[in-house]
């Protein structure tokens, strides 16, 4: 339950304005990291690893989520974790398009969905 709640929170604060595909890829980024040897083995440890997800440091800047934000994010997480939706992607990184992180040039671009750009590559 805690993993579901944490992953839903991440989607709400990192991708609530994104289309369904973008929300799914944000969740898949965390799940792919859990499976990758370079990152911790749990959803909680991946999310709370320092300087990985900006919403944790910028929570004070976030607008209050709506009930619909939570419903959509929870639905995405439930469907992915229970195998109702398969997200076939190797994404391990993403950023919002207005940000130019130093690491982006060293990763393989996978796709852009709305305002988020997704990559694959090790730590």
PDB file of N, CA and C in Angstrom:
ATOM      1  N   UNK A   1       0.822  -1.197   0.000  1.00  0.00           N
ATOM      2  CA  UNK A   1       0.000   0.000   0.000  1.00  0.00           C
ATOM      3  C   UNK A   1       0.866   1.260   0.000  1.00  0.00           C
ATOM      4  N   UNK A   2       1.924   1.271   0.817  1.00  0.00           N
ATOM      5  CA  UNK A   2       2.791   2.450   0.870  1.00  0.00           C
ATOM      6  C   UNK A   2       3.410   2.752  -0.495  1.00  0.00           C
ATOM      7  N   UNK A   3       3.850   1.698  -1.205  1.00  0.00           N
ATOM      8  CA  UNK A   3       4.429   1.902  -2.528  1.00  0.00           C
ATOM      9  C   UNK A   3       3.414   2.511  -3.487  1.00  0.00           C
ATOM     10  N   UNK A   4       2.178   2.031  -3.436  1.00  0.00           N
ATOM     11  CA  UNK A   4       1.125   2.579  -4.301  1.00  0.00           C
ATOM     12  C   UNK A   4       0.907   4.056  -4.002  1.00  0.00           C
ATOM     13  N   UNK A   5       0.839   4.373  -2.733  1.00  0.00           N
ATOM     14  CA  UNK A   5       0.600   5.759  -2.322  1.00  0.00           C
ATOM     15  C   UNK A   5       1.764   6.663  -2.742  1.00  0.00           C
ATOM     16  N   UNK A   6       2.992   6.210  -2.546  1.00  0.00           N
ATOM     17  CA  UNK A   6       4.167   7.004  -2.927  1.00  0.00           C
ATOM     18  C   UNK A   6       4.238   7.226  -4.429  1.00  0.00           C
ATOM     19  N   UNK A   7       3.951   6.183  -5.188  1.00  0.00           N
ATOM     20  CA  UNK A   7       3.998   6.306  -6.646  1.00  0.00           C
ATOM     21  C   UNK A   7       2.881   7.220  -7.143  1.00  0.00           C
ATOM     22  N   UNK A   8       1.706   7.133  -6.538  1.00  0.00           N
ATOM     23  CA  UNK A   8       0.606   8.034  -6.895  1.00  0.00           C
ATOM     24  C   UNK A   8       0.974   9.486  -6.557  1.00  0.00           C
ATOM     25  N   UNK A   9       1.595   9.685  -5.397  1.00  0.00           N
ATOM     26  CA  UNK A   9       2.024  11.031  -5.008  1.00  0.00           C
ATOM     27  C   UNK A   9       3.018  11.596  -6.020  1.00  0.00           C
ATOM     28  N   UNK A  10       3.962  10.777  -6.437  1.00  0.00           N
ATOM     29  CA  UNK A  10       4.940  11.205  -7.433  1.00  0.00           C
ATOM     30  C   UNK A  10       4.240  11.635  -8.720  1.00  0.00           C
ATOM     31  N   UNK A  11       3.273  10.860  -9.181  1.00  0.00           N
ATOM     32  CA  UNK A  11       2.550  11.202 -10.407  1.00  0.00           C
ATOM     33  C   UNK A  11       1.771  12.499 -10.225  1.00  0.00           C
ATOM     34  N   UNK A  12       1.103  12.643  -9.085  1.00  0.00           N
ATOM     35  CA  UNK A  12       0.337  13.868  -8.839  1.00  0.00           C
ATOM     36  C   UNK A  12       1.240  15.096  -8.920  1.00  0.00           C
ATOM     37  N   UNK A  13       2.368  15.057  -8.247  1.00  0.00           N
ATOM     38  CA  UNK A  13       3.208  16.242  -8.164  1.00  0.00           C
ATOM     39  C   UNK A  13       4.166  16.418  -9.341  1.00  0.00           C
ATOM     40  N   UNK A  14       4.489  15.351 -10.035  1.00  0.00           N
ATOM     41  CA  UNK A  14       5.418  15.464 -11.164  1.00  0.00           C
ATOM     42  C   UNK A  14       4.696  15.493 -12.519  1.00  0.00           C
ATOM     43  N   UNK A  15       3.481  14.931 -12.591  1.00  0.00           N
ATOM     44  CA  UNK A  15       2.889  14.748 -13.925  1.00  0.00           C
ATOM     45  C   UNK A  15       1.370  14.908 -13.989  1.00  0.00           C
ATOM     46  N   UNK A  16       0.773  15.582 -13.026  1.00  0.00           N
ATOM     47  CA  UNK A  16      -0.694  15.667 -13.032  1.00  0.00           C
ATOM     48  C   UNK A  16      -1.260  16.364 -14.262  1.00  0.00           C
ATOM     49  N   UNK A  17      -0.510  17.248 -14.880  1.00  0.00           N
ATOM     50  CA  UNK A  17      -1.008  17.952 -16.067  1.00  0.00           C
ATOM     51  C   UNK A  17      -0.703  17.202 -17.361  1.00  0.00           C
ATOM     52  N   UNK A  18      -0.033  16.080 -17.255  1.00  0.00           N
ATOM     53  CA  UNK A  18       0.336  15.295 -18.426  1.00  0.00           C
ATOM     54  C   UNK A  18      -0.803  14.366 -18.850  1.00  0.00           C
ATOM     55  N   UNK A  19      -0.809  13.966 -20.123  1.00  0.00           N
ATOM     56  CA  UNK A  19      -1.793  12.972 -20.560  1.00  0.00           C
ATOM     57  C   UNK A  19      -1.493  11.613 -19.914  1.00  0.00           C
ATOM     58  N   UNK A  20      -2.400  10.696 -20.065  1.00  0.00           N
ATOM     59  CA  UNK A  20      -2.283   9.369 -19.458  1.00  0.00           C
ATOM     60  C   UNK A  20      -0.947   8.703 -19.789  1.00  0.00           C
ATOM     61  N   UNK A  21      -0.526   8.779 -21.035  1.00  0.00           N
ATOM     62  CA  UNK A  21       0.747   8.172 -21.439  1.00  0.00           C
ATOM     63  C   UNK A  21       1.922   8.746 -20.646  1.00  0.00           C
ATOM     64  N   UNK A  22       1.920  10.049 -20.433  1.00  0.00           N
ATOM     65  CA  UNK A  22       2.985  10.683 -19.660  1.00  0.00           C
ATOM     66  C   UNK A  22       2.993  10.243 -18.207  1.00  0.00           C
ATOM     67  N   UNK A  23       1.805  10.132 -17.622  1.00  0.00           N
ATOM     68  CA  UNK A  23       1.711   9.656 -16.236  1.00  0.00           C
ATOM     69  C   UNK A  23       2.240   8.226 -16.129  1.00  0.00           C
ATOM     70  N   UNK A  24       1.882   7.400 -17.095  1.00  0.00           N
ATOM     71  CA  UNK A  24       2.346   6.011 -17.079  1.00  0.00           C
ATOM     72  C   UNK A  24       3.854   5.929 -17.217  1.00  0.00           C
ATOM     73  N   UNK A  25       4.439   6.763 -18.068  1.00  0.00           N
ATOM     74  CA  UNK A  25       5.891   6.733 -18.244  1.00  0.00           C
ATOM     75  C   UNK A  25       6.634   7.256 -17.009  1.00  0.00           C
ATOM     76  N   UNK A  26       6.060   8.205 -16.308  1.00  0.00           N
ATOM     77  CA  UNK A  26       6.654   8.666 -15.044  1.00  0.00           C
ATOM     78  C   UNK A  26       6.678   7.509 -14.044  1.00  0.00           C
ATOM     79  N   UNK A  27       5.568   6.792 -13.929  1.00  0.00           N
ATOM     80  CA  UNK A  27       5.529   5.629 -13.033  1.00  0.00           C
ATOM     81  C   UNK A  27       6.520   4.563 -13.486  1.00  0.00           C
ATOM     82  N   UNK A  28       6.578   4.326 -14.784  1.00  0.00           N
ATOM     83  CA  UNK A  28       7.476   3.296 -15.319  1.00  0.00           C
ATOM     84  C   UNK A  28       8.937   3.655 -15.068  1.00  0.00           C
ATOM     85  N   UNK A  29       9.262   4.933 -15.065  1.00  0.00           N
ATOM     86  CA  UNK A  29      10.624   5.367 -14.749  1.00  0.00           C
ATOM     87  C   UNK A  29      11.043   4.839 -13.382  1.00  0.00           C
ATOM     88  N   UNK A  30      10.176   4.989 -12.397  1.00  0.00           N
ATOM     89  CA  UNK A  30      10.480   4.512 -11.042  1.00  0.00           C
ATOM     90  C   UNK A  30      10.585   2.988 -11.035  1.00  0.00           C
ATOM     91  N   UNK A  31       9.632   2.321 -11.658  1.00  0.00           N
ATOM     92  CA  UNK A  31       9.632   0.851 -11.657  1.00  0.00           C
ATOM     93  C   UNK A  31      10.852   0.290 -12.387  1.00  0.00           C
ATOM     94  N   UNK A  32      11.265   0.930 -13.462  1.00  0.00           N
ATOM     95  CA  UNK A  32      12.476   0.484 -14.168  1.00  0.00           C
ATOM     96  C   UNK A  32      13.717   0.680 -13.304  1.00  0.00           C
ATOM     97  N   UNK A  33      13.751   1.742 -12.541  1.00  0.00           N
ATOM     98  CA  UNK A  33      14.885   1.960 -11.643  1.00  0.00           C
ATOM     99  C   UNK A  33      14.930   0.886 -10.557  1.00  0.00           C
ATOM    100  N   UNK A  34      13.786   0.500 -10.040  1.00  0.00           N
ATOM    101  CA  UNK A  34      13.737  -0.552  -9.019  1.00  0.00           C
ATOM    102  C   UNK A  34      14.355  -1.841  -9.570  1.00  0.00           C
ATOM    103  N   UNK A  35      14.128  -2.124 -10.839  1.00  0.00           N
ATOM    104  CA  UNK A  35      14.635  -3.347 -11.474  1.00  0.00           C
ATOM    105  C   UNK A  35      16.084  -3.224 -11.939  1.00  0.00           C
ATOM    106  N   UNK A  36      16.613  -2.024 -12.003  1.00  0.00           N
ATOM    107  CA  UNK A  36      17.964  -1.769 -12.525  1.00  0.00           C
ATOM    108  C   UNK A  36      18.984  -1.912 -11.391  1.00  0.00           C
ATOM    109  N   UNK A  37      20.130  -2.547 -11.648  1.00  0.00           N
ATOM    110  CA  UNK A  37      21.122  -2.747 -10.582  1.00  0.00           C
ATOM    111  C   UNK A  37      21.758  -1.464 -10.043  1.00  0.00           C
ATOM    112  N   UNK A  38      21.656  -0.360 -10.768  1.00  0.00           N
ATOM    113  CA  UNK A  38      22.279   0.890 -10.316  1.00  0.00           C
ATOM    114  C   UNK A  38      21.467   1.655  -9.279  1.00  0.00           C
ATOM    115  N   UNK A  39      20.201   1.282  -9.085  1.00  0.00           N
ATOM    116  CA  UNK A  39      19.330   2.006  -8.170  1.00  0.00           C
ATOM    117  C   UNK A  39      18.878   1.100  -7.041  1.00  0.00           C
ATOM    118  N   UNK A  40      18.297   1.689  -6.003  1.00  0.00           N
ATOM    119  CA  UNK A  40      17.771   0.881  -4.894  1.00  0.00           C
ATOM    120  C   UNK A  40      16.686  -0.100  -5.364  1.00  0.00           C
ATOM    121  N   UNK A  41      16.339  -1.035  -4.500  1.00  0.00           N
ATOM    122  CA  UNK A  41      15.449  -2.138  -4.863  1.00  0.00           C
ATOM    123  C   UNK A  41      13.979  -1.913  -4.528  1.00  0.00           C
ATOM    124  N   UNK A  42      13.630  -0.762  -3.963  1.00  0.00           N
ATOM    125  CA  UNK A  42      12.231  -0.530  -3.618  1.00  0.00           C
ATOM    126  C   UNK A  42      11.755   0.807  -4.189  1.00  0.00           C
ATOM    127  N   UNK A  43      10.456   0.919  -4.378  1.00  0.00           N
ATOM    128  CA  UNK A  43       9.862   2.153  -4.879  1.00  0.00           C
ATOM    129  C   UNK A  43      10.181   3.311  -3.933  1.00  0.00           C
ATOM    130  N   UNK A  44      10.025   3.078  -2.648  1.00  0.00           N
ATOM    131  CA  UNK A  44      10.290   4.132  -1.662  1.00  0.00           C
ATOM    132  C   UNK A  44      11.734   4.616  -1.737  1.00  0.00           C
ATOM    133  N   UNK A  45      12.686   3.691  -1.789  1.00  0.00           N
ATOM    134  CA  UNK A  45      14.095   4.081  -1.831  1.00  0.00           C
ATOM    135  C   UNK A  45      14.441   4.820  -3.127  1.00  0.00           C
ATOM    136  N   UNK A  46      13.850   4.401  -4.238  1.00  0.00           N
ATOM    137  CA  UNK A  46      14.097   5.083  -5.513  1.00  0.00           C
ATOM    138  C   UNK A  46      13.551   6.511  -5.453  1.00  0.00           C
ATOM    139  N   UNK A  47      12.322   6.664  -4.982  1.00  0.00           N
ATOM    140  CA  UNK A  47      11.711   7.990  -4.933  1.00  0.00           C
ATOM    141  C   UNK A  47      12.462   8.925  -3.988  1.00  0.00           C
ATOM    142  N   UNK A  48      12.881   8.411  -2.837  1.00  0.00           N
ATOM    143  CA  UNK A  48      13.543   9.263  -1.850  1.00  0.00           C
ATOM    144  C   UNK A  48      15.052   9.363  -2.012  1.00  0.00           C
ATOM    145  N   UNK A  49      15.595   8.773  -3.053  1.00  0.00           N
ATOM    146  CA  UNK A  49      17.026   8.949  -3.294  1.00  0.00           C
ATOM    147  C   UNK A  49      17.281  10.442  -3.535  1.00  0.00           C
ATOM    148  N   UNK A  50      18.303  11.011  -2.911  1.00  0.00           N
ATOM    149  CA  UNK A  50      18.517  12.461  -2.995  1.00  0.00           C
ATOM    150  C   UNK A  50      18.626  13.000  -4.424  1.00  0.00           C
ATOM    151  N   UNK A  51      17.973  14.126  -4.632  1.00  0.00           N
ATOM    152  CA  UNK A  51      18.058  14.911  -5.874  1.00  0.00           C
ATOM    153  C   UNK A  51      17.581  14.161  -7.119  1.00  0.00           C
ATOM    154  N   UNK A  52      16.599  13.293  -6.961  1.00  0.00           N
ATOM    155  CA  UNK A  52      16.081  12.565  -8.113  1.00  0.00           C
ATOM    156  C   UNK A  52      14.736  13.103  -8.597  1.00  0.00           C
ATOM    157  N   UNK A  53      13.865  13.487  -7.695  1.00  0.00           N
ATOM    158  CA  UNK A  53      12.533  13.957  -8.062  1.00  0.00           C
ATOM    159  C   UNK A  53      12.291  15.307  -7.403  1.00  0.00           C
ATOM    160  N   UNK A  54      12.161  16.327  -8.238  1.00  0.00           N
ATOM    161  CA  UNK A  54      12.151  17.711  -7.757  1.00  0.00           C
ATOM    162  C   UNK A  54      10.973  18.044  -6.849  1.00  0.00           C
ATOM    163  N   UNK A  55       9.862  17.350  -7.001  1.00  0.00           N
ATOM    164  CA  UNK A  55       8.698  17.705  -6.184  1.00  0.00           C
ATOM    165  C   UNK A  55       8.985  17.587  -4.683  1.00  0.00           C
ATOM    166  N   UNK A  56       9.885  16.703  -4.299  1.00  0.00           N
ATOM    167  CA  UNK A  56      10.185  16.526  -2.878  1.00  0.00           C
ATOM    168  C   UNK A  56      10.850  17.769  -2.277  1.00  0.00           C
ATOM    169  N   UNK A  57      11.654  18.443  -3.086  1.00  0.00           N
ATOM    170  CA  UNK A  57      12.322  19.658  -2.604  1.00  0.00           C
ATOM    171  C   UNK A  57      11.464  20.899  -2.824  1.00  0.00           C
ATOM    172  N   UNK A  58      10.514  20.812  -3.762  1.00  0.00           N
ATOM    173  CA  UNK A  58       9.703  21.971  -4.129  1.00  0.00           C
ATOM    174  C   UNK A  58       8.251  21.849  -3.681  1.00  0.00           C
ATOM    175  N   UNK A  59       7.977  21.012  -2.704  1.00  0.00           N
ATOM    176  CA  UNK A  59       6.598  20.776  -2.274  1.00  0.00           C
ATOM    177  C   UNK A  59       5.897  22.081  -1.899  1.00  0.00           C
ATOM    178  N   UNK A  60       6.641  23.005  -1.310  1.00  0.00           N
ATOM    179  CA  UNK A  60       6.054  24.285  -0.901  1.00  0.00           C
ATOM    180  C   UNK A  60       5.591  25.131  -2.084  1.00  0.00           C
ATOM    181  N   UNK A  61       6.069  24.829  -3.284  1.00  0.00           N
ATOM    182  CA  UNK A  61       5.686  25.568  -4.490  1.00  0.00           C
ATOM    183  C   UNK A  61       4.491  24.938  -5.211  1.00  0.00           C
ATOM    184  N   UNK A  62       4.102  23.753  -4.795  1.00  0.00           N
ATOM    185  CA  UNK A  62       3.056  22.997  -5.495  1.00  0.00           C
ATOM    186  C   UNK A  62       1.670  23.526  -5.163  1.00  0.00           C
ATOM    187  N   UNK A  63       0.795  23.508  -6.171  1.00  0.00           N
ATOM    188  CA  UNK A  63      -0.611  23.829  -5.890  1.00  0.00           C
ATOM    189  C   UNK A  63      -1.257  22.594  -5.280  1.00  0.00           C
ATOM    190  N   UNK A  64      -2.295  22.797  -4.529  1.00  0.00           N
ATOM    191  CA  UNK A  64      -2.987  21.702  -3.857  1.00  0.00           C
ATOM    192  C   UNK A  64      -3.642  20.789  -4.887  1.00  0.00           C
ATOM    193  N   UNK A  65      -3.369  19.494  -4.822  1.00  0.00           N
ATOM    194  CA  UNK A  65      -3.977  18.567  -5.778  1.00  0.00           C
ATOM    195  C   UNK A  65      -5.494  18.484  -5.587  1.00  0.00           C
ATOM    196  N   UNK A  66      -6.184  18.230  -6.673  1.00  0.00           N
ATOM    197  CA  UNK A  66      -7.631  18.027  -6.604  1.00  0.00           C
ATOM    198  C   UNK A  66      -7.909  16.547  -6.340  1.00  0.00           C
ATOM    199  N   UNK A  67      -9.135  16.260  -5.997  1.00  0.00           N
ATOM    200  CA  UNK A  67      -9.533  14.860  -5.822  1.00  0.00           C
ATOM    201  C   UNK A  67      -9.331  14.098  -7.125  1.00  0.00           C
ATOM    202  N   UNK A  68      -9.622  14.755  -8.241  1.00  0.00           N
ATOM    203  CA  UNK A  68      -9.455  14.112  -9.551  1.00  0.00           C
ATOM    204  C   UNK A  68      -7.978  13.797  -9.829  1.00  0.00           C
ATOM    205  N   UNK A  69      -7.064  14.665  -9.413  1.00  0.00           N
ATOM    206  CA  UNK A  69      -5.629  14.393  -9.564  1.00  0.00           C
ATOM    207  C   UNK A  69      -5.274  13.078  -8.871  1.00  0.00           C
ATOM    208  N   UNK A  70      -5.768  12.908  -7.637  1.00  0.00           N
ATOM    209  CA  UNK A  70      -5.470  11.701  -6.865  1.00  0.00           C
ATOM    210  C   UNK A  70      -6.117  10.467  -7.479  1.00  0.00           C
ATOM    211  N   UNK A  71      -7.342  10.598  -7.970  1.00  0.00           N
ATOM    212  CA  UNK A  71      -8.040   9.465  -8.591  1.00  0.00           C
ATOM    213  C   UNK A  71      -7.289   8.990  -9.828  1.00  0.00           C
ATOM    214  N   UNK A  72      -6.911   9.938 -10.685  1.00  0.00           N
ATOM    215  CA  UNK A  72      -6.193   9.572 -11.917  1.00  0.00           C
ATOM    216  C   UNK A  72      -4.844   8.926 -11.610  1.00  0.00           C
ATOM    217  N   UNK A  73      -4.094   9.510 -10.701  1.00  0.00           N
ATOM    218  CA  UNK A  73      -2.778   8.962 -10.362  1.00  0.00           C
ATOM    219  C   UNK A  73      -2.905   7.583  -9.727  1.00  0.00           C
ATOM    220  N   UNK A  74      -3.849   7.419  -8.835  1.00  0.00           N
ATOM    221  CA  UNK A  74      -4.060   6.121  -8.177  1.00  0.00           C
ATOM    222  C   UNK A  74      -4.476   5.063  -9.175  1.00  0.00           C
ATOM    223  N   UNK A  75      -5.299   5.449 -10.139  1.00  0.00           N
ATOM    224  CA  UNK A  75      -5.731   4.517 -11.174  1.00  0.00           C
ATOM    225  C   UNK A  75      -4.551   4.062 -12.036  1.00  0.00           C
ATOM    226  N   UNK A  76      -3.696   4.993 -12.409  1.00  0.00           N
ATOM    227  CA  UNK A  76      -2.497   4.652 -13.188  1.00  0.00           C
ATOM    228  C   UNK A  76      -1.643   3.642 -12.429  1.00  0.00           C
ATOM    229  N   UNK A  77      -1.380   3.932 -11.166  1.00  0.00           N
ATOM    230  CA  UNK A  77      -0.538   3.060 -10.355  1.00  0.00           C
ATOM    231  C   UNK A  77      -1.175   1.681 -10.184  1.00  0.00           C
ATOM    232  N   UNK A  78      -2.443   1.647  -9.834  1.00  0.00           N
ATOM    233  CA  UNK A  78      -3.137   0.374  -9.645  1.00  0.00           C
ATOM    234  C   UNK A  78      -3.061  -0.481 -10.909  1.00  0.00           C
ATOM    235  N   UNK A  79      -3.360   0.125 -12.043  1.00  0.00           N
ATOM    236  CA  UNK A  79      -3.386  -0.635 -13.296  1.00  0.00           C
ATOM    237  C   UNK A  79      -2.018  -1.147 -13.711  1.00  0.00           C
ATOM    238  N   UNK A  80      -0.978  -0.365 -13.476  1.00  0.00           N
ATOM    239  CA  UNK A  80       0.380  -0.812 -13.821  1.00  0.00           C
ATOM    240  C   UNK A  80       0.851  -1.898 -12.855  1.00  0.00           C
ATOM    241  N   UNK A  81       0.696  -1.655 -11.560  1.00  0.00           N
ATOM    242  CA  UNK A  81       1.205  -2.613 -10.576  1.00  0.00           C
ATOM    243  C   UNK A  81       0.456  -3.947 -10.601  1.00  0.00           C
ATOM    244  N   UNK A  82      -0.790  -3.937 -11.042  1.00  0.00           N
ATOM    245  CA  UNK A  82      -1.573  -5.166 -11.101  1.00  0.00           C
ATOM    246  C   UNK A  82      -1.587  -5.795 -12.492  1.00  0.00           C
ATOM    247  N   UNK A  83      -0.814  -5.230 -13.418  1.00  0.00           N
ATOM    248  CA  UNK A  83      -0.677  -5.825 -14.732  1.00  0.00           C
ATOM    249  C   UNK A  83      -1.838  -5.601 -15.681  1.00  0.00           C
ATOM    250  N   UNK A  84      -2.740  -4.685 -15.349  1.00  0.00           N
ATOM    251  CA  UNK A  84      -3.865  -4.392 -16.244  1.00  0.00           C
ATOM    252  C   UNK A  84      -3.428  -3.534 -17.422  1.00  0.00           C
ATOM    253  N   UNK A  85      -2.342  -2.793 -17.237  1.00  0.00           N
ATOM    254  CA  UNK A  85      -1.769  -1.968 -18.291  1.00  0.00           C
ATOM    255  C   UNK A  85      -0.288  -2.289 -18.360  1.00  0.00           C
ATOM    256  N   UNK A  86       0.182  -2.642 -19.530  1.00  0.00           N
ATOM    257  CA  UNK A  86       1.603  -2.912 -19.738  1.00  0.00           C
ATOM    258  C   UNK A  86       2.244  -1.677 -20.362  1.00  0.00           C
ATOM    259  N   UNK A  87       3.264  -1.158 -19.729  1.00  0.00           N
ATOM    260  CA  UNK A  87       3.998  -0.019 -20.266  1.00  0.00           C
ATOM    261  C   UNK A  87       5.335  -0.563 -20.743  1.00  0.00           C
ATOM    262  N   UNK A  88       5.444  -0.731 -22.044  1.00  0.00           N
ATOM    263  CA  UNK A  88       6.631  -1.334 -22.640  1.00  0.00           C
ATOM    264  C   UNK A  88       7.650  -0.250 -22.958  1.00  0.00           C
ATOM    265  N   UNK A  89       8.447   0.089 -21.976  1.00  0.00           N
ATOM    266  CA  UNK A  89       9.443   1.132 -22.148  1.00  0.00           C
ATOM    267  C   UNK A  89      10.570   0.915 -21.150  1.00  0.00           C
ATOM    268  N   UNK A  90      11.764   1.277 -21.564  1.00  0.00           N
ATOM    269  CA  UNK A  90      12.948   1.143 -20.714  1.00  0.00           C
ATOM    270  C   UNK A  90      13.355   2.474 -20.081  1.00  0.00           C
ATOM    271  N   UNK A  91      12.440   3.432 -20.005  1.00  0.00           N
ATOM    272  CA  UNK A  91      12.788   4.759 -19.484  1.00  0.00           C
ATOM    273  C   UNK A  91      13.316   4.677 -18.056  1.00  0.00           C
ATOM    274  N   UNK A  92      14.346   5.468 -17.793  1.00  0.00           N
ATOM    275  CA  UNK A  92      14.911   5.550 -16.446  1.00  0.00           C
ATOM    276  C   UNK A  92      15.120   6.998 -15.993  1.00  0.00           C
ATOM    277  N   UNK A  93      14.889   7.942 -16.889  1.00  0.00           N
ATOM    278  CA  UNK A  93      15.035   9.359 -16.569  1.00  0.00           C
ATOM    279  C   UNK A  93      13.974  10.160 -17.315  1.00  0.00           C
ATOM    280  N   UNK A  94      13.620  11.294 -16.761  1.00  0.00           N
ATOM    281  CA  UNK A  94      12.784  12.253 -17.474  1.00  0.00           C
ATOM    282  C   UNK A  94      13.023  13.640 -16.889  1.00  0.00           C
ATOM    283  N   UNK A  95      12.634  14.637 -17.649  1.00  0.00           N
ATOM    284  CA  UNK A  95      12.647  16.007 -17.140  1.00  0.00           C
ATOM    285  C   UNK A  95      11.604  16.813 -17.903  1.00  0.00           C
ATOM    286  N   UNK A  96      11.232  17.921 -17.321  1.00  0.00           N
ATOM    287  CA  UNK A  96      10.292  18.828 -17.952  1.00  0.00           C
ATOM    288  C   UNK A  96      11.051  19.573 -19.047  1.00  0.00           C
ATOM    289  N   UNK A  97      10.388  19.860 -20.156  1.00  0.00           N
ATOM    290  CA  UNK A  97      11.079  20.383 -21.327  1.00  0.00           C
ATOM    291  C   UNK A  97      11.783  21.723 -21.111  1.00  0.00           C
ATOM    292  N   UNK A  98      11.356  22.517 -20.151  1.00  0.00           N
ATOM    293  CA  UNK A  98      11.999  23.819 -19.933  1.00  0.00           C
ATOM    294  C   UNK A  98      13.314  23.698 -19.162  1.00  0.00           C
ATOM    295  N   UNK A  99      13.592  22.517 -18.629  1.00  0.00           N
ATOM    296  CA  UNK A  99      14.807  22.286 -17.850  1.00  0.00           C
ATOM    297  C   UNK A  99      15.825  21.576 -18.732  1.00  0.00           C
ATOM    298  N   UNK A 100      17.073  21.955 -18.612  1.00  0.00           N
ATOM    299  CA  UNK A 100      18.151  21.335 -19.395  1.00  0.00           C
ATOM    300  C   UNK A 100      19.161  20.697 -18.438  1.00  0.00           C
ATOM    301  N   UNK A 101      18.861  19.485 -17.937  1.00  0.00           N
ATOM    302  CA  UNK A 101      19.775  18.863 -16.971  1.00  0.00           C
ATOM    303  C   UNK A 101      21.100  18.454 -17.609  1.00  0.00           C
ATOM    304  N   UNK A 102      22.140  18.501 -16.807  1.00  0.00           N
ATOM    305  CA  UNK A 102      23.483  18.184 -17.289  1.00  0.00           C
ATOM    306  C   UNK A 102      23.573  16.752 -17.823  1.00  0.00           C
ATOM    307  N   UNK A 103      22.789  15.846 -17.293  1.00  0.00           N
ATOM    308  CA  UNK A 103      22.898  14.427 -17.636  1.00  0.00           C
ATOM    309  C   UNK A 103      22.208  14.051 -18.944  1.00  0.00           C
ATOM    310  N   UNK A 104      21.352  14.918 -19.462  1.00  0.00           N
ATOM    311  CA  UNK A 104      20.517  14.554 -20.616  1.00  0.00           C
ATOM    312  C   UNK A 104      21.332  14.164 -21.852  1.00  0.00           C
ATOM    313  N   UNK A 105      22.445  14.834 -22.080  1.00  0.00           N
ATOM    314  CA  UNK A 105      23.259  14.532 -23.264  1.00  0.00           C
ATOM    315  C   UNK A 105      23.908  13.154 -23.184  1.00  0.00           C
ATOM    316  N   UNK A 106      24.014  12.609 -21.980  1.00  0.00           N
ATOM    317  CA  UNK A 106      24.653  11.308 -21.792  1.00  0.00           C
ATOM    318  C   UNK A 106      23.655  10.153 -21.838  1.00  0.00           C
ATOM    319  N   UNK A 107      22.363  10.455 -22.016  1.00  0.00           N
ATOM    320  CA  UNK A 107      21.318   9.422 -22.024  1.00  0.00           C
ATOM    321  C   UNK A 107      20.741   9.276 -23.426  1.00  0.00           C
ATOM    322  N   UNK A 108      20.067   8.169 -23.636  1.00  0.00           N
ATOM    323  CA  UNK A 108      19.434   7.916 -24.928  1.00  0.00           C
ATOM    324  C   UNK A 108      17.989   8.406 -24.881  1.00  0.00           C
ATOM    325  N   UNK A 109      17.668   9.342 -25.776  1.00  0.00           N
ATOM    326  CA  UNK A 109      16.316   9.884 -25.852  1.00  0.00           C
ATOM    327  C   UNK A 109      15.342   8.785 -26.274  1.00  0.00           C
ATOM    328  N   UNK A 110      14.238   8.660 -25.557  1.00  0.00           N
ATOM    329  CA  UNK A 110      13.218   7.663 -25.882  1.00  0.00           C
ATOM    330  C   UNK A 110      12.016   8.328 -26.537  1.00  0.00           C
ATOM    331  N   UNK A 111      11.456   9.339 -25.866  1.00  0.00           N
ATOM    332  CA  UNK A 111      10.269   9.997 -26.407  1.00  0.00           C
ATOM    333  C   UNK A 111       9.999  11.286 -25.649  1.00  0.00           C
ATOM    334  N   UNK A 112       9.130  12.089 -26.206  1.00  0.00           N
ATOM    335  CA  UNK A 112       8.597  13.248 -25.487  1.00  0.00           C
ATOM    336  C   UNK A 112       7.086  13.108 -25.478  1.00  0.00           C
ATOM    337  N   UNK A 113       6.498  13.288 -24.306  1.00  0.00           N
ATOM    338  CA  UNK A 113       5.049  13.285 -24.157  1.00  0.00           C
ATOM    339  C   UNK A 113       4.682  14.614 -23.521  1.00  0.00           C
ATOM    340  N   UNK A 114       3.971  15.424 -24.267  1.00  0.00           N
ATOM    341  CA  UNK A 114       3.572  16.744 -23.823  1.00  0.00           C
ATOM    342  C   UNK A 114       4.810  17.511 -23.366  1.00  0.00           C
ATOM    343  N   UNK A 115       4.927  17.829 -22.078  1.00  0.00           N
ATOM    344  CA  UNK A 115       6.050  18.646 -21.599  1.00  0.00           C
ATOM    345  C   UNK A 115       7.177  17.837 -20.964  1.00  0.00           C
ATOM    346  N   UNK A 116       7.079  16.524 -20.975  1.00  0.00           N
ATOM    347  CA  UNK A 116       8.124  15.688 -20.372  1.00  0.00           C
ATOM    348  C   UNK A 116       8.926  14.944 -21.447  1.00  0.00           C
ATOM    349  N   UNK A 117      10.235  14.931 -21.260  1.00  0.00           N
ATOM    350  CA  UNK A 117      11.144  14.235 -22.177  1.00  0.00           C
ATOM    351  C   UNK A 117      11.713  13.042 -21.415  1.00  0.00           C
ATOM    352  N   UNK A 118      11.643  11.862 -22.032  1.00  0.00           N
ATOM    353  CA  UNK A 118      12.045  10.617 -21.363  1.00  0.00           C
ATOM    354  C   UNK A 118      13.283  10.015 -22.023  1.00  0.00           C
ATOM    355  N   UNK A 119      14.135   9.433 -21.177  1.00  0.00           N
ATOM    356  CA  UNK A 119      15.403   8.853 -21.612  1.00  0.00           C
ATOM    357  C   UNK A 119      15.597   7.477 -20.991  1.00  0.00           C
ATOM    358  N   UNK A 120      16.552   6.755 -21.556  1.00  0.00           N
ATOM    359  CA  UNK A 120      17.001   5.516 -20.941  1.00  0.00           C
ATOM    360  C   UNK A 120      18.506   5.599 -20.746  1.00  0.00           C
ATOM    361  N   UNK A 121      19.009   4.821 -19.830  1.00  0.00           N
ATOM    362  CA  UNK A 121      20.435   4.799 -19.544  1.00  0.00           C
ATOM    363  C   UNK A 121      20.669   4.545 -18.071  1.00  0.00           C
ATOM    364  N   UNK A 122      21.839   4.048 -17.769  1.00  0.00           N
ATOM    365  CA  UNK A 122      22.194   3.771 -16.379  1.00  0.00           C
ATOM    366  C   UNK A 122      22.462   5.046 -15.600  1.00  0.00           C
ATOM    367  N   UNK A 123      22.704   4.863 -14.338  1.00  0.00           N
ATOM    368  CA  UNK A 123      22.915   5.959 -13.404  1.00  0.00           C
ATOM    369  C   UNK A 123      24.116   6.804 -13.737  1.00  0.00           C
TER     370      UNK A 123
END
